[in-house]
Amino acid sequence: MSLSIEGIVCTVNSFTSDEMKPYDDANGNDYRSRERYQVVLDSFPDHIKPHDIENTKRLLRGDYGFMCQYDKEPDFETVWSSLFDLKTLEVYRAEGDPRKKKFIPDMRLANLRAKS
């Protein structure tokens, strides 16, 4: 499932099209993917504008609703959270639960631009 609003792209791990549903091996256990997607839809108009890195980090930490707070999910946790500003090639990633791990700059995209 993905969304694009005014240059903002959000993707979560759910199949929504009928043609892709046969490939969904999750059997409905997508770790609240649709809920996370709805939190993004609801958050951008009220809290986040394009290129708003700090409030996007707050979104991923769960400040505006459920995102990665898998405190009650057995044997499941967030591996990483990342955000990308493709206009400036800024990338930030938190390796693990973004409530507990800091977002650090990832320079791979900027380094690619420097090489070209």
PDB file of N, CA and C in Angstrom:
ATOM      1  N   MET A   1       0.853  -1.151   0.000  1.00  0.00           N
ATOM      2  CA  MET A   1       0.000   0.000   0.000  1.00  0.00           C
ATOM      3  C   MET A   1       0.908   1.226   0.000  1.00  0.00           C
ATOM      4  N   SER A   2       0.631   2.207  -0.835  1.00  0.00           N
ATOM      5  CA  SER A   2       1.429   3.425  -0.820  1.00  0.00           C
ATOM      6  C   SER A   2       0.536   4.630  -1.077  1.00  0.00           C
ATOM      7  N   LEU A   3       1.097   5.780  -0.756  1.00  0.00           N
ATOM      8  CA  LEU A   3       0.356   7.025  -0.822  1.00  0.00           C
ATOM      9  C   LEU A   3       1.289   8.102  -1.324  1.00  0.00           C
ATOM     10  N   SER A   4       0.782   9.036  -2.085  1.00  0.00           N
ATOM     11  CA  SER A   4       1.569  10.187  -2.498  1.00  0.00           C
ATOM     12  C   SER A   4       0.695  11.424  -2.354  1.00  0.00           C
ATOM     13  N   ILE A   5       1.102  12.330  -1.474  1.00  0.00           N
ATOM     14  CA  ILE A   5       0.394  13.581  -1.238  1.00  0.00           C
ATOM     15  C   ILE A   5       1.402  14.711  -1.384  1.00  0.00           C
ATOM     16  N   GLU A   6       1.175  15.608  -2.322  1.00  0.00           N
ATOM     17  CA  GLU A   6       2.027  16.776  -2.475  1.00  0.00           C
ATOM     18  C   GLU A   6       3.506  16.424  -2.359  1.00  0.00           C
ATOM     19  N   GLY A   7       3.945  15.421  -3.094  1.00  0.00           N
ATOM     20  CA  GLY A   7       5.356  15.068  -3.085  1.00  0.00           C
ATOM     21  C   GLY A   7       5.779  14.189  -1.928  1.00  0.00           C
ATOM     22  N   ILE A   8       4.843  13.719  -1.124  1.00  0.00           N
ATOM     23  CA  ILE A   8       5.159  12.856   0.007  1.00  0.00           C
ATOM     24  C   ILE A   8       4.747  11.439  -0.382  1.00  0.00           C
ATOM     25  N   VAL A   9       5.625  10.480  -0.144  1.00  0.00           N
ATOM     26  CA  VAL A   9       5.329   9.087  -0.455  1.00  0.00           C
ATOM     27  C   VAL A   9       5.390   8.284   0.831  1.00  0.00           C
ATOM     28  N   CYS A  10       4.416   7.451   1.049  1.00  0.00           N
ATOM     29  CA  CYS A  10       4.387   6.546   2.200  1.00  0.00           C
ATOM     30  C   CYS A  10       4.110   5.146   1.685  1.00  0.00           C
ATOM     31  N   THR A  11       4.872   4.191   2.184  1.00  0.00           N
ATOM     32  CA  THR A  11       4.655   2.807   1.803  1.00  0.00           C
ATOM     33  C   THR A  11       4.652   1.942   3.054  1.00  0.00           C
ATOM     34  N   VAL A  12       3.694   1.035   3.154  1.00  0.00           N
ATOM     35  CA  VAL A  12       3.635   0.064   4.254  1.00  0.00           C
ATOM     36  C   VAL A  12       3.477  -1.320   3.642  1.00  0.00           C
ATOM     37  N   ASN A  13       3.652  -2.341   4.446  1.00  0.00           N
ATOM     38  CA  ASN A  13       3.676  -3.700   3.921  1.00  0.00           C
ATOM     39  C   ASN A  13       2.289  -4.342   3.891  1.00  0.00           C
ATOM     40  N   SER A  14       1.477  -3.874   2.957  1.00  0.00           N
ATOM     41  CA  SER A  14       0.159  -4.455   2.712  1.00  0.00           C
ATOM     42  C   SER A  14      -0.101  -4.451   1.213  1.00  0.00           C
ATOM     43  N   PHE A  15      -0.715  -5.510   0.733  1.00  0.00           N
ATOM     44  CA  PHE A  15      -1.171  -5.535  -0.649  1.00  0.00           C
ATOM     45  C   PHE A  15      -2.603  -5.023  -0.672  1.00  0.00           C
ATOM     46  N   THR A  16      -2.884  -4.091  -1.559  1.00  0.00           N
ATOM     47  CA  THR A  16      -4.236  -3.552  -1.634  1.00  0.00           C
ATOM     48  C   THR A  16      -4.919  -3.856  -2.959  1.00  0.00           C
ATOM     49  N   SER A  17      -4.155  -4.065  -4.008  1.00  0.00           N
ATOM     50  CA  SER A  17      -4.788  -4.326  -5.303  1.00  0.00           C
ATOM     51  C   SER A  17      -5.199  -5.792  -5.385  1.00  0.00           C
ATOM     52  N   ASP A  18      -6.323  -6.032  -6.051  1.00  0.00           N
ATOM     53  CA  ASP A  18      -6.821  -7.392  -6.207  1.00  0.00           C
ATOM     54  C   ASP A  18      -5.819  -8.271  -6.943  1.00  0.00           C
ATOM     55  N   GLU A  19      -5.095  -7.693  -7.887  1.00  0.00           N
ATOM     56  CA  GLU A  19      -4.139  -8.502  -8.648  1.00  0.00           C
ATOM     57  C   GLU A  19      -2.933  -8.934  -7.819  1.00  0.00           C
ATOM     58  N   MET A  20      -2.606  -8.235  -6.740  1.00  0.00           N
ATOM     59  CA  MET A  20      -1.461  -8.602  -5.898  1.00  0.00           C
ATOM     60  C   MET A  20      -1.846  -9.441  -4.686  1.00  0.00           C
ATOM     61  N   LYS A  21      -3.105  -9.436  -4.307  1.00  0.00           N
ATOM     62  CA  LYS A  21      -3.531 -10.180  -3.112  1.00  0.00           C
ATOM     63  C   LYS A  21      -3.167 -11.663  -3.129  1.00  0.00           C
ATOM     64  N   PRO A  22      -3.158 -12.335  -4.280  1.00  0.00           N
ATOM     65  CA  PRO A  22      -2.746 -13.746  -4.265  1.00  0.00           C
ATOM     66  C   PRO A  22      -1.296 -13.954  -3.806  1.00  0.00           C
ATOM     67  N   TYR A  23      -0.488 -12.918  -3.839  1.00  0.00           N
ATOM     68  CA  TYR A  23       0.918 -13.032  -3.435  1.00  0.00           C
ATOM     69  C   TYR A  23       1.140 -12.708  -1.962  1.00  0.00           C
ATOM     70  N   ASP A  24       0.074 -12.360  -1.264  1.00  0.00           N
ATOM     71  CA  ASP A  24       0.178 -11.984   0.149  1.00  0.00           C
ATOM     72  C   ASP A  24       0.235 -13.241   1.010  1.00  0.00           C
ATOM     73  N   ASP A  25       1.416 -13.571   1.479  1.00  0.00           N
ATOM     74  CA  ASP A  25       1.602 -14.753   2.327  1.00  0.00           C
ATOM     75  C   ASP A  25       1.430 -14.451   3.811  1.00  0.00           C
ATOM     76  N   ALA A  26       1.062 -13.222   4.145  1.00  0.00           N
ATOM     77  CA  ALA A  26       0.935 -12.843   5.556  1.00  0.00           C
ATOM     78  C   ALA A  26      -0.326 -13.419   6.203  1.00  0.00           C
ATOM     79  N   ASN A  27      -1.258 -13.862   5.399  1.00  0.00           N
ATOM     80  CA  ASN A  27      -2.517 -14.394   5.919  1.00  0.00           C
ATOM     81  C   ASN A  27      -3.199 -13.428   6.891  1.00  0.00           C
ATOM     82  N   GLY A  28      -3.173 -12.149   6.551  1.00  0.00           N
ATOM     83  CA  GLY A  28      -3.838 -11.151   7.372  1.00  0.00           C
ATOM     84  C   GLY A  28      -3.007 -10.609   8.521  1.00  0.00           C
ATOM     85  N   ASN A  29      -1.859 -11.195   8.794  1.00  0.00           N
ATOM     86  CA  ASN A  29      -1.025 -10.728   9.899  1.00  0.00           C
ATOM     87  C   ASN A  29       0.043  -9.773   9.359  1.00  0.00           C
ATOM     88  N   ASP A  30      -0.373  -8.546   9.110  1.00  0.00           N
ATOM     89  CA  ASP A  30       0.551  -7.556   8.562  1.00  0.00           C
ATOM     90  C   ASP A  30       1.016  -6.561   9.625  1.00  0.00           C
ATOM     91  N   TYR A  31       0.917  -6.965  10.883  1.00  0.00           N
ATOM     92  CA  TYR A  31       1.388  -6.150  12.013  1.00  0.00           C
ATOM     93  C   TYR A  31       0.826  -4.737  11.969  1.00  0.00           C
ATOM     94  N   ARG A  32      -0.471  -4.686  11.788  1.00  0.00           N
ATOM     95  CA  ARG A  32      -1.238  -3.438  11.871  1.00  0.00           C
ATOM     96  C   ARG A  32      -0.847  -2.447  10.770  1.00  0.00           C
ATOM     97  N   SER A  33      -0.494  -2.973   9.628  1.00  0.00           N
ATOM     98  CA  SER A  33      -0.053  -2.146   8.512  1.00  0.00           C
ATOM     99  C   SER A  33      -1.098  -1.114   8.103  1.00  0.00           C
ATOM    100  N   ARG A  34      -2.340  -1.540   7.981  1.00  0.00           N
ATOM    101  CA  ARG A  34      -3.397  -0.597   7.573  1.00  0.00           C
ATOM    102  C   ARG A  34      -3.585   0.507   8.609  1.00  0.00           C
ATOM    103  N   GLU A  35      -3.441   0.176   9.869  1.00  0.00           N
ATOM    104  CA  GLU A  35      -3.547   1.194  10.927  1.00  0.00           C
ATOM    105  C   GLU A  35      -2.416   2.203  10.810  1.00  0.00           C
ATOM    106  N   ARG A  36      -1.201   1.719  10.567  1.00  0.00           N
ATOM    107  CA  ARG A  36      -0.057   2.627  10.407  1.00  0.00           C
ATOM    108  C   ARG A  36      -0.261   3.532   9.196  1.00  0.00           C
ATOM    109  N   TYR A  37      -0.761   2.961   8.124  1.00  0.00           N
ATOM    110  CA  TYR A  37      -1.031   3.730   6.915  1.00  0.00           C
ATOM    111  C   TYR A  37      -2.037   4.846   7.197  1.00  0.00           C
ATOM    112  N   GLN A  38      -3.084   4.534   7.947  1.00  0.00           N
ATOM    113  CA  GLN A  38      -4.093   5.536   8.280  1.00  0.00           C
ATOM    114  C   GLN A  38      -3.515   6.636   9.158  1.00  0.00           C
ATOM    115  N   VAL A  39      -2.623   6.293  10.080  1.00  0.00           N
ATOM    116  CA  VAL A  39      -1.962   7.305  10.913  1.00  0.00           C
ATOM    117  C   VAL A  39      -1.190   8.282  10.031  1.00  0.00           C
ATOM    118  N   VAL A  40      -0.524   7.770   9.005  1.00  0.00           N
ATOM    119  CA  VAL A  40       0.195   8.656   8.078  1.00  0.00           C
ATOM    120  C   VAL A  40      -0.785   9.557   7.349  1.00  0.00           C
ATOM    121  N   LEU A  41      -1.853   8.981   6.814  1.00  0.00           N
ATOM    122  CA  LEU A  41      -2.855   9.790   6.110  1.00  0.00           C
ATOM    123  C   LEU A  41      -3.387  10.909   6.992  1.00  0.00           C
ATOM    124  N   ASP A  42      -3.649  10.586   8.248  1.00  0.00           N
ATOM    125  CA  ASP A  42      -4.217  11.562   9.170  1.00  0.00           C
ATOM    126  C   ASP A  42      -3.192  12.584   9.638  1.00  0.00           C
ATOM    127  N   SER A  43      -1.921  12.222   9.675  1.00  0.00           N
ATOM    128  CA  SER A  43      -0.888  13.089  10.247  1.00  0.00           C
ATOM    129  C   SER A  43      -0.394  14.171   9.304  1.00  0.00           C
ATOM    130  N   PHE A  44      -0.265  13.866   8.030  1.00  0.00           N
ATOM    131  CA  PHE A  44       0.335  14.848   7.137  1.00  0.00           C
ATOM    132  C   PHE A  44      -0.450  16.142   7.021  1.00  0.00           C
ATOM    133  N   PRO A  45      -1.753  16.120   6.853  1.00  0.00           N
ATOM    134  CA  PRO A  45      -2.445  17.408   6.747  1.00  0.00           C
ATOM    135  C   PRO A  45      -2.337  18.266   8.010  1.00  0.00           C
ATOM    136  N   ASP A  46      -2.316  17.630   9.177  1.00  0.00           N
ATOM    137  CA  ASP A  46      -2.341  18.383  10.431  1.00  0.00           C
ATOM    138  C   ASP A  46      -0.966  18.696  11.010  1.00  0.00           C
ATOM    139  N   HIS A  47      -0.005  17.812  10.808  1.00  0.00           N
ATOM    140  CA  HIS A  47       1.266  17.941  11.526  1.00  0.00           C
ATOM    141  C   HIS A  47       2.500  18.113  10.652  1.00  0.00           C
ATOM    142  N   ILE A  48       2.466  17.624   9.416  1.00  0.00           N
ATOM    143  CA  ILE A  48       3.699  17.511   8.654  1.00  0.00           C
ATOM    144  C   ILE A  48       3.534  18.138   7.279  1.00  0.00           C
ATOM    145  N   LYS A  49       4.511  18.903   6.900  1.00  0.00           N
ATOM    146  CA  LYS A  49       4.564  19.506   5.574  1.00  0.00           C
ATOM    147  C   LYS A  49       5.766  18.925   4.838  1.00  0.00           C
ATOM    148  N   PRO A  50       5.816  19.032   3.508  1.00  0.00           N
ATOM    149  CA  PRO A  50       6.976  18.513   2.778  1.00  0.00           C
ATOM    150  C   PRO A  50       8.285  19.068   3.338  1.00  0.00           C
ATOM    151  N   HIS A  51       9.284  18.217   3.405  1.00  0.00           N
ATOM    152  CA  HIS A  51      10.633  18.541   3.889  1.00  0.00           C
ATOM    153  C   HIS A  51      10.662  18.845   5.384  1.00  0.00           C
ATOM    154  N   ASP A  52       9.674  18.398   6.126  1.00  0.00           N
ATOM    155  CA  ASP A  52       9.585  18.609   7.576  1.00  0.00           C
ATOM    156  C   ASP A  52      10.168  17.377   8.274  1.00  0.00           C
ATOM    157  N   ILE A  53      11.474  17.352   8.390  1.00  0.00           N
ATOM    158  CA  ILE A  53      12.179  16.176   8.904  1.00  0.00           C
ATOM    159  C   ILE A  53      11.825  15.910  10.366  1.00  0.00           C
ATOM    160  N   GLU A  54      11.829  16.908  11.205  1.00  0.00           N
ATOM    161  CA  GLU A  54      11.625  16.681  12.645  1.00  0.00           C
ATOM    162  C   GLU A  54      10.239  16.134  12.950  1.00  0.00           C
ATOM    163  N   ASN A  55       9.206  16.683  12.342  1.00  0.00           N
ATOM    164  CA  ASN A  55       7.862  16.160  12.599  1.00  0.00           C
ATOM    165  C   ASN A  55       7.650  14.798  11.948  1.00  0.00           C
ATOM    166  N   THR A  56       8.347  14.512  10.865  1.00  0.00           N
ATOM    167  CA  THR A  56       8.273  13.175  10.281  1.00  0.00           C
ATOM    168  C   THR A  56       8.925  12.164  11.207  1.00  0.00           C
ATOM    169  N   LYS A  57      10.025  12.524  11.851  1.00  0.00           N
ATOM    170  CA  LYS A  57      10.630  11.650  12.860  1.00  0.00           C
ATOM    171  C   LYS A  57       9.640  11.407  14.002  1.00  0.00           C
ATOM    172  N   ARG A  58       8.944  12.447  14.418  1.00  0.00           N
ATOM    173  CA  ARG A  58       7.943  12.304  15.487  1.00  0.00           C
ATOM    174  C   ARG A  58       6.830  11.345  15.054  1.00  0.00           C
ATOM    175  N   LEU A  59       6.414  11.440  13.791  1.00  0.00           N
ATOM    176  CA  LEU A  59       5.419  10.514  13.251  1.00  0.00           C
ATOM    177  C   LEU A  59       5.917   9.076  13.380  1.00  0.00           C
ATOM    178  N   LEU A  60       7.147   8.818  12.952  1.00  0.00           N
ATOM    179  CA  LEU A  60       7.689   7.464  12.983  1.00  0.00           C
ATOM    180  C   LEU A  60       7.905   6.966  14.405  1.00  0.00           C
ATOM    181  N   ARG A  61       8.091   7.864  15.355  1.00  0.00           N
ATOM    182  CA  ARG A  61       8.212   7.470  16.765  1.00  0.00           C
ATOM    183  C   ARG A  61       6.862   7.164  17.398  1.00  0.00           C
ATOM    184  N   GLY A  62       5.773   7.522  16.707  1.00  0.00           N
ATOM    185  CA  GLY A  62       4.449   7.223  17.220  1.00  0.00           C
ATOM    186  C   GLY A  62       3.792   8.378  17.944  1.00  0.00           C
ATOM    187  N   ASP A  63       4.321   9.580  17.811  1.00  0.00           N
ATOM    188  CA  ASP A  63       3.736  10.729  18.507  1.00  0.00           C
ATOM    189  C   ASP A  63       2.331  11.082  18.022  1.00  0.00           C
ATOM    190  N   TYR A  64       1.968  10.677  16.801  1.00  0.00           N
ATOM    191  CA  TYR A  64       0.666  11.038  16.247  1.00  0.00           C
ATOM    192  C   TYR A  64      -0.276   9.835  16.143  1.00  0.00           C
ATOM    193  N   GLY A  65       0.159   8.695  16.653  1.00  0.00           N
ATOM    194  CA  GLY A  65      -0.642   7.476  16.588  1.00  0.00           C
ATOM    195  C   GLY A  65       0.268   6.271  16.417  1.00  0.00           C
ATOM    196  N   PHE A  66      -0.336   5.104  16.322  1.00  0.00           N
ATOM    197  CA  PHE A  66       0.452   3.871  16.257  1.00  0.00           C
ATOM    198  C   PHE A  66       1.304   3.822  14.992  1.00  0.00           C
ATOM    199  N   MET A  67       2.593   3.577  15.179  1.00  0.00           N
ATOM    200  CA  MET A  67       3.493   3.345  14.052  1.00  0.00           C
ATOM    201  C   MET A  67       4.382   2.133  14.307  1.00  0.00           C
ATOM    202  N   CYS A  68       5.176   2.177  15.345  1.00  0.00           N
ATOM    203  CA  CYS A  68       6.163   1.111  15.591  1.00  0.00           C
ATOM    204  C   CYS A  68       6.163   0.654  17.040  1.00  0.00           C
ATOM    205  N   GLN A  69       5.113   0.896  17.761  1.00  0.00           N
ATOM    206  CA  GLN A  69       5.076   0.569  19.186  1.00  0.00           C
ATOM    207  C   GLN A  69       4.610  -0.874  19.385  1.00  0.00           C
ATOM    208  N   TYR A  70       5.440  -1.814  19.004  1.00  0.00           N
ATOM    209  CA  TYR A  70       5.081  -3.229  19.086  1.00  0.00           C
ATOM    210  C   TYR A  70       5.406  -3.800  20.452  1.00  0.00           C
ATOM    211  N   ASP A  71       4.933  -3.146  21.511  1.00  0.00           N
ATOM    212  CA  ASP A  71       5.235  -3.591  22.868  1.00  0.00           C
ATOM    213  C   ASP A  71       4.528  -4.896  23.225  1.00  0.00           C
ATOM    214  N   LYS A  72       3.392  -5.156  22.597  1.00  0.00           N
ATOM    215  CA  LYS A  72       2.604  -6.338  22.958  1.00  0.00           C
ATOM    216  C   LYS A  72       2.649  -7.429  21.889  1.00  0.00           C
ATOM    217  N   GLU A  73       3.395  -7.208  20.826  1.00  0.00           N
ATOM    218  CA  GLU A  73       3.473  -8.191  19.747  1.00  0.00           C
ATOM    219  C   GLU A  73       4.548  -9.211  20.090  1.00  0.00           C
ATOM    220  N   PRO A  74       4.187 -10.468  20.208  1.00  0.00           N
ATOM    221  CA  PRO A  74       5.210 -11.473  20.512  1.00  0.00           C
ATOM    222  C   PRO A  74       6.141 -11.687  19.317  1.00  0.00           C
ATOM    223  N   ASP A  75       7.401 -11.757  19.597  1.00  0.00           N
ATOM    224  CA  ASP A  75       8.400 -12.073  18.572  1.00  0.00           C
ATOM    225  C   ASP A  75       8.372 -11.116  17.386  1.00  0.00           C
ATOM    226  N   PHE A  76       8.085  -9.845  17.639  1.00  0.00           N
ATOM    227  CA  PHE A  76       8.097  -8.874  16.543  1.00  0.00           C
ATOM    228  C   PHE A  76       8.564  -7.531  17.063  1.00  0.00           C
ATOM    229  N   GLU A  77       9.432  -6.893  16.293  1.00  0.00           N
ATOM    230  CA  GLU A  77       9.860  -5.543  16.610  1.00  0.00           C
ATOM    231  C   GLU A  77      10.283  -4.842  15.329  1.00  0.00           C
ATOM    232  N   THR A  78      10.380  -3.554  15.398  1.00  0.00           N
ATOM    233  CA  THR A  78      10.781  -2.765  14.248  1.00  0.00           C
ATOM    234  C   THR A  78      12.268  -2.972  13.988  1.00  0.00           C
ATOM    235  N   VAL A  79      12.620  -3.266  12.751  1.00  0.00           N
ATOM    236  CA  VAL A  79      14.015  -3.466  12.378  1.00  0.00           C
ATOM    237  C   VAL A  79      14.668  -2.110  12.106  1.00  0.00           C
ATOM    238  N   TRP A  80      13.985  -1.249  11.361  1.00  0.00           N
ATOM    239  CA  TRP A  80      14.468   0.097  11.117  1.00  0.00           C
ATOM    240  C   TRP A  80      13.316   0.978  10.662  1.00  0.00           C
ATOM    241  N   SER A  81      13.502   2.265  10.827  1.00  0.00           N
ATOM    242  CA  SER A  81      12.599   3.277  10.282  1.00  0.00           C
ATOM    243  C   SER A  81      13.466   4.244   9.510  1.00  0.00           C
ATOM    244  N   SER A  82      12.985   4.682   8.373  1.00  0.00           N
ATOM    245  CA  SER A  82      13.793   5.615   7.589  1.00  0.00           C
ATOM    246  C   SER A  82      12.898   6.651   6.937  1.00  0.00           C
ATOM    247  N   LEU A  83      13.501   7.802   6.680  1.00  0.00           N
ATOM    248  CA  LEU A  83      12.813   8.853   5.945  1.00  0.00           C
ATOM    249  C   LEU A  83      13.782   9.436   4.942  1.00  0.00           C
ATOM    250  N   PHE A  84      13.236   9.822   3.804  1.00  0.00           N
ATOM    251  CA  PHE A  84      14.030  10.279   2.672  1.00  0.00           C
ATOM    252  C   PHE A  84      13.485  11.605   2.184  1.00  0.00           C
ATOM    253  N   ASP A  85      14.351  12.577   1.999  1.00  0.00           N
ATOM    254  CA  ASP A  85      13.984  13.813   1.327  1.00  0.00           C
ATOM    255  C   ASP A  85      14.702  13.769  -0.018  1.00  0.00           C
ATOM    256  N   LEU A  86      13.966  13.378  -1.053  1.00  0.00           N
ATOM    257  CA  LEU A  86      14.596  13.169  -2.349  1.00  0.00           C
ATOM    258  C   LEU A  86      14.966  14.463  -3.050  1.00  0.00           C
ATOM    259  N   LYS A  87      14.430  15.571  -2.598  1.00  0.00           N
ATOM    260  CA  LYS A  87      14.820  16.859  -3.178  1.00  0.00           C
ATOM    261  C   LYS A  87      16.222  17.244  -2.715  1.00  0.00           C
ATOM    262  N   THR A  88      16.487  17.023  -1.434  1.00  0.00           N
ATOM    263  CA  THR A  88      17.804  17.385  -0.886  1.00  0.00           C
ATOM    264  C   THR A  88      18.725  16.177  -0.751  1.00  0.00           C
ATOM    265  N   LEU A  89      18.194  14.974  -1.003  1.00  0.00           N
ATOM    266  CA  LEU A  89      18.904  13.700  -0.845  1.00  0.00           C
ATOM    267  C   LEU A  89      19.308  13.437   0.602  1.00  0.00           C
ATOM    268  N   GLU A  90      18.565  14.025   1.530  1.00  0.00           N
ATOM    269  CA  GLU A  90      18.794  13.723   2.941  1.00  0.00           C
ATOM    270  C   GLU A  90      18.067  12.434   3.293  1.00  0.00           C
ATOM    271  N   VAL A  91      18.752  11.555   4.007  1.00  0.00           N
ATOM    272  CA  VAL A  91      18.180  10.296   4.462  1.00  0.00           C
ATOM    273  C   VAL A  91      18.509  10.157   5.940  1.00  0.00           C
ATOM    274  N   TYR A  92      17.527   9.736   6.714  1.00  0.00           N
ATOM    275  CA  TYR A  92      17.735   9.481   8.140  1.00  0.00           C
ATOM    276  C   TYR A  92      17.176   8.106   8.446  1.00  0.00           C
ATOM    277  N   ARG A  93      17.882   7.363   9.277  1.00  0.00           N
ATOM    278  CA  ARG A  93      17.387   6.041   9.641  1.00  0.00           C
ATOM    279  C   ARG A  93      17.634   5.781  11.113  1.00  0.00           C
ATOM    280  N   ALA A  94      16.666   5.115  11.715  1.00  0.00           N
ATOM    281  CA  ALA A  94      16.790   4.630  13.089  1.00  0.00           C
ATOM    282  C   ALA A  94      16.845   3.114  12.983  1.00  0.00           C
ATOM    283  N   GLU A  95      17.922   2.541  13.451  1.00  0.00           N
ATOM    284  CA  GLU A  95      18.087   1.082  13.378  1.00  0.00           C
ATOM    285  C   GLU A  95      17.483   0.471  14.629  1.00  0.00           C
ATOM    286  N   GLY A  96      16.226   0.063  14.506  1.00  0.00           N
ATOM    287  CA  GLY A  96      15.461  -0.450  15.626  1.00  0.00           C
ATOM    288  C   GLY A  96      14.275   0.450  15.896  1.00  0.00           C
ATOM    289  N   ASP A  97      13.679   0.286  17.048  1.00  0.00           N
ATOM    290  CA  ASP A  97      12.507   1.056  17.459  1.00  0.00           C
ATOM    291  C   ASP A  97      12.880   2.541  17.513  1.00  0.00           C
ATOM    292  N   PRO A  98      12.234   3.395  16.704  1.00  0.00           N
ATOM    293  CA  PRO A  98      12.607   4.806  16.674  1.00  0.00           C
ATOM    294  C   PRO A  98      12.299   5.570  17.966  1.00  0.00           C
ATOM    295  N   ARG A  99      11.564   4.943  18.878  1.00  0.00           N
ATOM    296  CA  ARG A  99      11.371   5.569  20.188  1.00  0.00           C
ATOM    297  C   ARG A  99      12.616   5.401  21.040  1.00  0.00           C
ATOM    298  N   LYS A 100      13.420   4.401  20.728  1.00  0.00           N
ATOM    299  CA  LYS A 100      14.594   4.076  21.535  1.00  0.00           C
ATOM    300  C   LYS A 100      15.915   4.359  20.825  1.00  0.00           C
ATOM    301  N   LYS A 101      15.883   4.425  19.502  1.00  0.00           N
ATOM    302  CA  LYS A 101      17.091   4.634  18.703  1.00  0.00           C
ATOM    303  C   LYS A 101      17.031   5.998  18.037  1.00  0.00           C
ATOM    304  N   LYS A 102      18.151   6.665  17.969  1.00  0.00           N
ATOM    305  CA  LYS A 102      18.214   7.970  17.309  1.00  0.00           C
ATOM    306  C   LYS A 102      18.220   7.803  15.795  1.00  0.00           C
ATOM    307  N   PHE A 103      17.632   8.771  15.123  1.00  0.00           N
ATOM    308  CA  PHE A 103      17.744   8.835  13.675  1.00  0.00           C
ATOM    309  C   PHE A 103      19.120   9.399  13.354  1.00  0.00           C
ATOM    310  N   ILE A 104      19.848   8.691  12.525  1.00  0.00           N
ATOM    311  CA  ILE A 104      21.180   9.149  12.138  1.00  0.00           C
ATOM    312  C   ILE A 104      21.171   9.449  10.645  1.00  0.00           C
ATOM    313  N   PRO A 105      21.986  10.401  10.209  1.00  0.00           N
ATOM    314  CA  PRO A 105      22.059  10.683   8.776  1.00  0.00           C
ATOM    315  C   PRO A 105      22.682   9.506   8.029  1.00  0.00           C
ATOM    316  N   ASP A 106      22.147   9.225   6.886  1.00  0.00           N
ATOM    317  CA  ASP A 106      22.672   8.193   5.995  1.00  0.00           C
ATOM    318  C   ASP A 106      23.082   8.925   4.727  1.00  0.00           C
ATOM    319  N   MET A 107      24.344   8.891   4.404  1.00  0.00           N
ATOM    320  CA  MET A 107      24.873   9.721   3.327  1.00  0.00           C
ATOM    321  C   MET A 107      24.912   9.033   1.962  1.00  0.00           C
ATOM    322  N   ARG A 108      24.373   7.837   1.828  1.00  0.00           N
ATOM    323  CA  ARG A 108      24.505   7.096   0.563  1.00  0.00           C
ATOM    324  C   ARG A 108      23.963   7.848  -0.640  1.00  0.00           C
ATOM    325  N   LEU A 109      22.801   8.455  -0.541  1.00  0.00           N
ATOM    326  CA  LEU A 109      22.264   9.184  -1.688  1.00  0.00           C
ATOM    327  C   LEU A 109      23.081  10.431  -2.003  1.00  0.00           C
ATOM    328  N   ALA A 110      23.468  11.153  -0.980  1.00  0.00           N
ATOM    329  CA  ALA A 110      24.290  12.352  -1.192  1.00  0.00           C
ATOM    330  C   ALA A 110      25.627  11.967  -1.793  1.00  0.00           C
ATOM    331  N   ASN A 111      26.191  10.855  -1.352  1.00  0.00           N
ATOM    332  CA  ASN A 111      27.468  10.397  -1.906  1.00  0.00           C
ATOM    333  C   ASN A 111      27.325  10.005  -3.366  1.00  0.00           C
ATOM    334  N   LEU A 112      26.191   9.441  -3.757  1.00  0.00           N
ATOM    335  CA  LEU A 112      25.948   9.097  -5.143  1.00  0.00           C
ATOM    336  C   LEU A 112      25.916  10.350  -6.017  1.00  0.00           C
ATOM    337  N   ARG A 113      25.257  11.372  -5.528  1.00  0.00           N
ATOM    338  CA  ARG A 113      25.188  12.634  -6.285  1.00  0.00           C
ATOM    339  C   ARG A 113      26.566  13.235  -6.434  1.00  0.00           C
ATOM    340  N   ALA A 114      27.378  13.173  -5.388  1.00  0.00           N
ATOM    341  CA  ALA A 114      28.730  13.735  -5.438  1.00  0.00           C
ATOM    342  C   ALA A 114      29.595  13.022  -6.471  1.00  0.00           C
ATOM    343  N   LYS A 115      29.360  11.739  -6.691  1.00  0.00           N
ATOM    344  CA  LYS A 115      30.156  10.963  -7.647  1.00  0.00           C
ATOM    345  C   LYS A 115      29.771  11.250  -9.094  1.00  0.00           C
ATOM    346  N   SER A 116      28.535  11.701  -9.321  1.00  0.00           N
ATOM    347  CA  SER A 116      28.084  11.892 -10.708  1.00  0.00           C
ATOM    348  C   SER A 116      28.413  13.259 -11.243  1.00  0.00           C
TER     349      SER A 116
END
